[in-house]
C-alpha atoms as a PDB file:
ATOM      1  CA  MET A   1     -29.990  -3.382 -23.004  1.00  0.00           C
ATOM      2  CA  VAL A   2     -26.787  -4.595 -21.404  1.00  0.00           C
ATOM      3  CA  THR A   3     -26.095  -8.271 -22.024  1.00  0.00           C
ATOM      4  CA  GLU A   4     -22.395  -8.412 -21.176  1.00  0.00           C
ATOM      5  CA  VAL A   5     -19.728  -6.464 -19.323  1.00  0.00           C
ATOM      6  CA  THR A   6     -16.034  -7.285 -19.324  1.00  0.00           C
ATOM      7  CA  VAL A   7     -12.853  -6.120 -17.606  1.00  0.00           C
ATOM      8  CA  THR A   8     -10.325  -5.447 -20.365  1.00  0.00           C
ATOM      9  CA  ASN A   9      -7.181  -5.312 -18.248  1.00  0.00           C
ATOM     10  CA  PRO A  10      -7.644  -7.385 -15.092  1.00  0.00           C
ATOM     11  CA  PRO A  11      -4.455  -7.046 -12.999  1.00  0.00           C
ATOM     12  CA  ASP A  12      -2.355 -10.123 -12.242  1.00  0.00           C
ATOM     13  CA  ALA A  13      -1.074  -8.368  -9.123  1.00  0.00           C
ATOM     14  CA  VAL A  14      -1.276  -4.871  -7.666  1.00  0.00           C
ATOM     15  CA  LEU A  15       0.815  -3.022  -5.105  1.00  0.00           C
ATOM     16  CA  ALA A  16      -1.168  -1.715  -2.136  1.00  0.00           C
ATOM     17  CA  GLY A  17      -1.537   2.046  -2.312  1.00  0.00           C
ATOM     18  CA  LYS A  18      -0.296   2.378  -5.903  1.00  0.00           C
ATOM     19  CA  PRO A  19      -2.952   3.512  -8.412  1.00  0.00           C
ATOM     20  CA  THR A  20      -3.549   1.523 -11.585  1.00  0.00           C
ATOM     21  CA  ASN A  21      -6.190   1.763 -14.308  1.00  0.00           C
ATOM     22  CA  LEU A  22      -9.162  -0.579 -14.496  1.00  0.00           C
ATOM     23  CA  THR A  23     -11.277  -0.516 -17.675  1.00  0.00           C
ATOM     24  CA  CYS A  24     -14.773  -1.983 -17.955  1.00  0.00           C
ATOM     25  CA  VAL A  25     -16.579  -2.361 -21.291  1.00  0.00           C
ATOM     26  CA  THR A  26     -20.255  -3.127 -21.834  1.00  0.00           C
ATOM     27  CA  SER A  27     -22.072  -4.502 -24.860  1.00  0.00           C
ATOM     28  CA  ALA A  28     -24.757  -1.814 -24.658  1.00  0.00           C
ATOM     29  CA  SER A  29     -24.771   1.224 -26.924  1.00  0.00           C
ATOM     30  CA  LYS A  30     -28.313   2.573 -26.699  1.00  0.00           C
ATOM     31  CA  PRO A  31     -29.169   3.766 -24.191  1.00  0.00           C
ATOM     32  CA  GLN A  32     -25.750   4.325 -22.668  1.00  0.00           C
ATOM     33  CA  ALA A  33     -24.961   2.193 -19.650  1.00  0.00           C
ATOM     34  CA  CYS A  34     -24.009   3.033 -16.106  1.00  0.00           C
ATOM     35  CA  ILE A  35     -20.823   1.090 -15.384  1.00  0.00           C
ATOM     36  CA  ARG A  36     -19.582   0.489 -11.861  1.00  0.00           C
ATOM     37  CA  ALA A  37     -16.701  -1.462 -10.300  1.00  0.00           C
ATOM     38  CA  TYR A  38     -16.534  -3.039  -6.853  1.00  0.00           C
ATOM     39  CA  ILE A  39     -14.126  -4.718  -4.468  1.00  0.00           C
ATOM     40  CA  ARG A  40     -15.906  -7.210  -2.222  1.00  0.00           C
ATOM     41  CA  ARG A  41     -14.535  -8.975   0.836  1.00  0.00           C
ATOM     42  CA  PRO A  42     -16.330 -10.514   3.808  1.00  0.00           C
ATOM     43  CA  GLY A  43     -18.422  -7.860   5.511  1.00  0.00           C
ATOM     44  CA  ASN A  44     -17.388  -5.076   3.126  1.00  0.00           C
ATOM     45  CA  VAL A  45     -18.119  -3.923  -0.425  1.00  0.00           C
ATOM     46  CA  ARG A  46     -16.257  -0.886  -1.783  1.00  0.00           C
ATOM     47  CA  GLU A  47     -17.232   0.899  -4.986  1.00  0.00           C
ATOM     48  CA  LEU A  48     -14.503   2.499  -7.065  1.00  0.00           C
ATOM     49  CA  ASP A  49     -15.053   6.152  -7.997  1.00  0.00           C
ATOM     50  CA  SER A  50     -18.768   6.187  -7.178  1.00  0.00           C
ATOM     51  CA  ARG A  51     -19.132   9.932  -7.886  1.00  0.00           C
ATOM     52  CA  ALA A  52     -18.713   9.593 -11.646  1.00  0.00           C
ATOM     53  CA  CYS A  53     -21.678   7.311 -12.324  1.00  0.00           C
ATOM     54  CA  ASN A  54     -24.995   9.142 -12.255  1.00  0.00           C
ATOM     55  CA  GLN A  55     -28.220   7.472 -13.343  1.00  0.00           C
ATOM     56  CA  ASP A  56     -29.574  10.773 -14.712  1.00  0.00           C
ATOM     57  CA  SER A  57     -30.150   9.944 -18.412  1.00  0.00           C
ATOM     58  CA  SER A  58     -28.140  12.986 -19.487  1.00  0.00           C
ATOM     59  CA  LYS A  59     -25.091  12.053 -17.372  1.00  0.00           C
ATOM     60  CA  VAL A  60     -24.781   8.278 -17.473  1.00  0.00           C
ATOM     61  CA  GLN A  61     -21.564   6.664 -18.619  1.00  0.00           C
ATOM     62  CA  THR A  62     -20.657   5.477 -22.107  1.00  0.00           C
ATOM     63  CA  LYS A  63     -19.916   1.917 -23.218  1.00  0.00           C
ATOM     64  CA  THR A  64     -16.390   2.053 -21.781  1.00  0.00           C
ATOM     65  CA  ARG A  65     -15.318   3.344 -18.405  1.00  0.00           C
ATOM     66  CA  THR A  66     -11.785   3.571 -17.005  1.00  0.00           C
ATOM     67  CA  MET A  67     -11.412   3.980 -13.256  1.00  0.00           C
ATOM     68  CA  THR A  68      -8.520   4.288 -10.853  1.00  0.00           C
ATOM     69  CA  LEU A  69      -7.937   1.131  -8.815  1.00  0.00           C
ATOM     70  CA  THR A  70      -6.039   1.755  -5.573  1.00  0.00           C
ATOM     71  CA  THR A  71      -6.070  -1.227  -3.257  1.00  0.00           C
ATOM     72  CA  ARG A  72      -5.362  -1.743   0.430  1.00  0.00           C
ATOM     73  CA  ALA A  73      -3.383  -4.504   2.116  1.00  0.00           C
ATOM     74  CA  GLU A  74      -6.515  -5.942   3.722  1.00  0.00           C
ATOM     75  CA  GLU A  75      -8.090  -6.364   0.266  1.00  0.00           C
ATOM     76  CA  ASN A  76      -5.699  -9.154  -0.720  1.00  0.00           C
ATOM     77  CA  GLY A  77      -7.896 -12.080  -1.751  1.00  0.00           C
ATOM     78  CA  ALA A  78     -10.958  -9.852  -2.238  1.00  0.00           C
ATOM     79  CA  GLU A  79     -13.197 -10.107  -5.315  1.00  0.00           C
ATOM     80  CA  LEU A  80     -13.007  -7.490  -8.083  1.00  0.00           C
ATOM     81  CA  TYR A  81     -15.743  -7.083 -10.675  1.00  0.00           C
ATOM     82  CA  CYS A  82     -17.677  -4.602 -12.819  1.00  0.00           C
ATOM     83  CA  ASN A  83     -21.373  -4.399 -13.473  1.00  0.00           C
ATOM     84  CA  ALA A  84     -23.510  -2.342 -15.819  1.00  0.00           C
ATOM     85  CA  SER A  85     -27.123  -1.459 -16.519  1.00  0.00           C
ATOM     86  CA  ASN A  86     -29.053   0.898 -18.791  1.00  0.00           C
ATOM     87  CA  SER A  87     -31.622   1.872 -16.199  1.00  0.00           C
ATOM     88  CA  VAL A  88     -32.106   2.081 -12.459  1.00  0.00           C
ATOM     89  CA  THR A  89     -34.862  -0.504 -12.885  1.00  0.00           C
ATOM     90  CA  ASP A  90     -32.715  -3.048 -14.735  1.00  0.00           C
ATOM     91  CA  GLN A  91     -30.865  -5.768 -12.855  1.00  0.00           C
ATOM     92  CA  PRO A  92     -27.135  -5.017 -13.374  1.00  0.00           C
ATOM     93  CA  VAL A  93     -25.114  -7.471 -15.442  1.00  0.00           C
ATOM     94  CA  ARG A  94     -21.906  -8.555 -13.718  1.00  0.00           C
ATOM     95  CA  SER A  95     -18.537  -9.219 -15.307  1.00  0.00           C
ATOM     96  CA  GLN A  96     -16.298 -12.154 -14.491  1.00  0.00           C
ATOM     97  CA  VAL A  97     -15.141 -11.996 -10.865  1.00  0.00           C
ATOM     98  CA  TYR A  98     -11.393 -11.720 -10.287  1.00  0.00           C
ATOM     99  CA  THR A  99      -9.499 -12.453  -7.080  1.00  0.00           C
ATOM    100  CA  LEU A 100      -7.152  -9.639  -6.119  1.00  0.00           C
ATOM    101  CA  ASN A 101      -3.497 -10.385  -5.474  1.00  0.00           C
ATOM    102  CA  VAL A 102      -2.525  -7.339  -3.429  1.00  0.00           C
ATOM    103  CA  GLN A 103       1.169  -7.261  -2.611  1.00  0.00           C
ATOM    104  CA  TYR A 104       2.375  -5.221   0.355  1.00  0.00           C
ATOM    105  CA  PRO A 105       5.483  -4.999   2.550  1.00  0.00           C
ATOM    106  CA  PRO A 106       5.449  -6.351   6.111  1.00  0.00           C
ATOM    107  CA  GLN A 107       3.118  -4.383   8.356  1.00  0.00           C
ATOM    108  CA  SER A 108       5.813  -4.264  11.047  1.00  0.00           C
ATOM    109  CA  GLY A 109       9.567  -4.674  10.798  1.00  0.00           C
ATOM    110  CA  VAL A 110      11.970  -7.244  12.195  1.00  0.00           C
ATOM    111  CA  ARG A 111      11.716  -7.709  15.975  1.00  0.00           C
ATOM    112  CA  LEU A 112      14.033  -9.744  18.211  1.00  0.00           C
ATOM    113  CA  SER A 113      13.253 -11.247  21.602  1.00  0.00           C
ATOM    114  CA  GLY A 114      14.836 -13.696  24.034  1.00  0.00           C
ATOM    115  CA  TYR A 115      17.975 -11.731  24.832  1.00  0.00           C
ATOM    116  CA  GLY A 116      18.674  -8.062  25.502  1.00  0.00           C
ATOM    117  CA  ASN A 117      21.483  -6.672  23.368  1.00  0.00           C
ATOM    118  CA  ASN A 118      24.805  -6.697  25.224  1.00  0.00           C
ATOM    119  CA  THR A 119      23.194  -8.004  28.427  1.00  0.00           C
ATOM    120  CA  ALA A 120      25.575  -9.980  30.619  1.00  0.00           C
ATOM    121  CA  VAL A 121      24.842 -13.698  30.413  1.00  0.00           C
ATOM    122  CA  GLU A 122      26.630 -16.678  31.956  1.00  0.00           C
ATOM    123  CA  SER A 123      28.221 -19.457  29.958  1.00  0.00           C
ATOM    124  CA  GLY A 124      26.029 -22.563  29.984  1.00  0.00           C
ATOM    125  CA  GLN A 125      22.760 -20.631  30.134  1.00  0.00           C
ATOM    126  CA  LYS A 126      20.126 -21.717  27.629  1.00  0.00           C
ATOM    127  CA  LEU A 127      18.423 -19.070  25.489  1.00  0.00           C
ATOM    128  CA  THR A 128      15.584 -19.139  22.971  1.00  0.00           C
ATOM    129  CA  LEU A 129      15.980 -16.338  20.459  1.00  0.00           C
ATOM    130  CA  THR A 130      12.955 -15.380  18.394  1.00  0.00           C
ATOM    131  CA  CYS A 131      12.851 -13.236  15.258  1.00  0.00           C
ATOM    132  CA  GLN A 132       9.473 -11.958  14.070  1.00  0.00           C
ATOM    133  CA  VAL A 133       8.099  -9.784  11.300  1.00  0.00           C
ATOM    134  CA  GLY A 134       4.579  -8.578  10.510  1.00  0.00           C
ATOM    135  CA  LYS A 135       2.342 -10.035   7.807  1.00  0.00           C
ATOM    136  CA  GLY A 136       3.114  -9.214   4.208  1.00  0.00           C
ATOM    137  CA  ASN A 137       2.281 -10.481   0.740  1.00  0.00           C
ATOM    138  CA  PRO A 138       4.206 -12.367  -0.455  1.00  0.00           C
ATOM    139  CA  LYS A 139       5.073 -13.865   2.919  1.00  0.00           C
ATOM    140  CA  PRO A 140       8.399 -12.511   4.207  1.00  0.00           C
ATOM    141  CA  ALA A 141      11.302 -14.893   4.791  1.00  0.00           C
ATOM    142  CA  LEU A 142      13.534 -14.783   7.875  1.00  0.00           C
ATOM    143  CA  SER A 143      16.956 -16.239   8.558  1.00  0.00           C
ATOM    144  CA  TRP A 144      19.501 -16.207  11.390  1.00  0.00           C
ATOM    145  CA  SER A 145      23.207 -15.722  10.701  1.00  0.00           C
ATOM    146  CA  SER A 146      25.640 -18.519  11.507  1.00  0.00           C
ATOM    147  CA  GLU A 147      27.242 -16.458  14.308  1.00  0.00           C
ATOM    148  CA  CYS A 148      24.279 -17.076  16.619  1.00  0.00           C
ATOM    149  CA  GLY A 149      25.441 -20.424  18.005  1.00  0.00           C
ATOM    150  CA  GLN A 150      22.348 -22.298  16.846  1.00  0.00           C
ATOM    151  CA  LYS A 151      22.133 -26.025  16.253  1.00  0.00           C
ATOM    152  CA  ASN A 152      18.702 -26.008  14.621  1.00  0.00           C
ATOM    153  CA  THR A 153      16.094 -23.623  13.242  1.00  0.00           C
ATOM    154  CA  VAL A 154      12.407 -24.059  13.974  1.00  0.00           C
ATOM    155  CA  PRO A 155      10.064 -22.035  11.716  1.00  0.00           C
ATOM    156  CA  GLY A 156       6.628 -21.052  12.975  1.00  0.00           C
ATOM    157  CA  ASN A 157       3.667 -18.833  12.195  1.00  0.00           C
ATOM    158  CA  ASP A 158       1.293 -17.180  14.664  1.00  0.00           C
ATOM    159  CA  GLY A 159      -0.189 -14.622  12.294  1.00  0.00           C
ATOM    160  CA  SER A 160       3.226 -13.092  11.864  1.00  0.00           C
ATOM    161  CA  GLN A 161       6.183 -14.866  10.337  1.00  0.00           C
ATOM    162  CA  GLN A 162       8.695 -15.971  12.974  1.00  0.00           C
ATOM    163  CA  ILE A 163      11.643 -18.294  13.502  1.00  0.00           C
ATOM    164  CA  SER A 164      13.198 -19.297  16.810  1.00  0.00           C
ATOM    165  CA  ILE A 165      16.528 -20.878  17.690  1.00  0.00           C
ATOM    166  CA  SER A 166      17.623 -22.516  20.924  1.00  0.00           C
ATOM    167  CA  ILE A 167      21.236 -22.010  21.989  1.00  0.00           C
ATOM    168  CA  THR A 168      23.470 -22.816  24.925  1.00  0.00           C
ATOM    169  CA  VAL A 169      25.720 -19.862  25.706  1.00  0.00           C
ATOM    170  CA  SER A 170      29.414 -20.629  25.364  1.00  0.00           C
ATOM    171  CA  PRO A 171      32.522 -18.475  25.851  1.00  0.00           C
ATOM    172  CA  SER A 172      33.043 -18.475  22.073  1.00  0.00           C
ATOM    173  CA  LEU A 173      29.891 -16.346  21.678  1.00  0.00           C
ATOM    174  CA  ASN A 174      31.377 -13.454  23.641  1.00  0.00           C
ATOM    175  CA  ARG A 175      31.299 -10.260  21.507  1.00  0.00           C
ATOM    176  CA  LYS A 176      29.820 -12.170  18.562  1.00  0.00           C
ATOM    177  CA  THR A 177      27.136 -10.326  16.635  1.00  0.00           C
ATOM    178  CA  CYS A 178      24.037 -12.367  15.841  1.00  0.00           C
ATOM    179  CA  VAL A 179      21.892 -11.127  12.936  1.00  0.00           C
ATOM    180  CA  CYS A 180      18.340 -11.921  11.841  1.00  0.00           C
ATOM    181  CA  LYS A 181      17.569 -10.851   8.286  1.00  0.00           C
ATOM    182  CA  GLY A 182      14.105 -10.431   6.811  1.00  0.00           C
ATOM    183  CA  SER A 183      13.421 -10.255   3.072  1.00  0.00           C
ATOM    184  CA  GLN A 184      10.539 -10.183   0.621  1.00  0.00           C
ATOM    185  CA  ASN A 185      10.966 -10.705  -3.107  1.00  0.00           C
ATOM    186  CA  GLY A 186       7.567 -10.175  -4.709  1.00  0.00           C
ATOM    187  CA  THR A 187       7.013  -9.085  -8.287  1.00  0.00           C
ATOM    188  CA  LEU A 188       5.885  -5.690  -6.978  1.00  0.00           C
ATOM    189  CA  SER A 189       6.725  -5.608  -3.271  1.00  0.00           C
ATOM    190  CA  ARG A 190      10.404  -5.946  -2.338  1.00  0.00           C
ATOM    191  CA  TRP A 191      11.781  -5.410   1.147  1.00  0.00           C
ATOM    192  CA  THR A 192      14.825  -6.220   3.291  1.00  0.00           C
ATOM    193  CA  GLU A 193      15.648  -5.417   6.893  1.00  0.00           C
ATOM    194  CA  GLN A 194      17.901  -6.851   9.566  1.00  0.00           C
ATOM    195  CA  LYS A 195      18.339  -6.545  13.320  1.00  0.00           C
ATOM    196  CA  SER A 196      21.279  -7.714  15.411  1.00  0.00           C
ATOM    197  CA  ILE A 197      22.349  -8.454  18.964  1.00  0.00           C
ATOM    198  CA  THR A 198      25.851  -8.699  20.427  1.00  0.00           C
ATOM    199  CA  PHE A 199      26.496 -11.277  23.134  1.00  0.00           C
ATOM    200  CA  ASN A 200      28.163 -10.307  26.392  1.00  0.00           C
ATOM    201  CA  VAL A 201      29.260 -13.607  27.981  1.00  0.00           C
ATOM    202  CA  LEU A 202      30.598 -13.506  31.531  1.00  0.00           C
ATOM    203  CA  LEU A 203      33.941 -15.261  31.400  1.00  0.00           C
ATOM    204  CA  GLN A 204      35.357 -17.015  34.425  1.00  0.00           C
ATOM    205  CA  GLU A 205      38.583 -15.656  35.748  1.00  0.00           C
ATOM    206  CA  GLU A 206      41.460 -18.090  35.618  1.00  0.00           C
END
């Protein structure tokens, strides 16, 4: 009977949506074992390639089984494991449990708020400009260009990555282009995007 099952190539990291091979090996040889693999997260357990494992004694799997692992963004941090048994009446033996590191690009791109591009604004007016991006793994980084007139940068996180700057509009900002750049430099997931605004400062006539 099965006494041990192992994952021979547990992934250090996987890219959401990209297939990779997962191989499970069991100690059993007679009778042949039924080997299954699962991804478990709170409130959900998903079996990989459930069609191929049939408990009919003439169709059960061999000692080794290779399956296609294709993960989803929401499965980052989920548990991955194999189990195996020789019979429907045997309690399955479980492999070591691995925590999935699922990398994925931001689920929404860079968004700017606090000022409408090229909207007329008076000198001396105070603005709070906010740059946001959707969740990703690894966490995306954001930065404002130096042409934005900022004195300080305040990072924050409300479920999406965001940074805000407070500025006082001055005549020197007129026609300046202010850029927020987002980037992600994961081992598998790499992404860059930027959005810009151009200031339209109402200048007093001399």
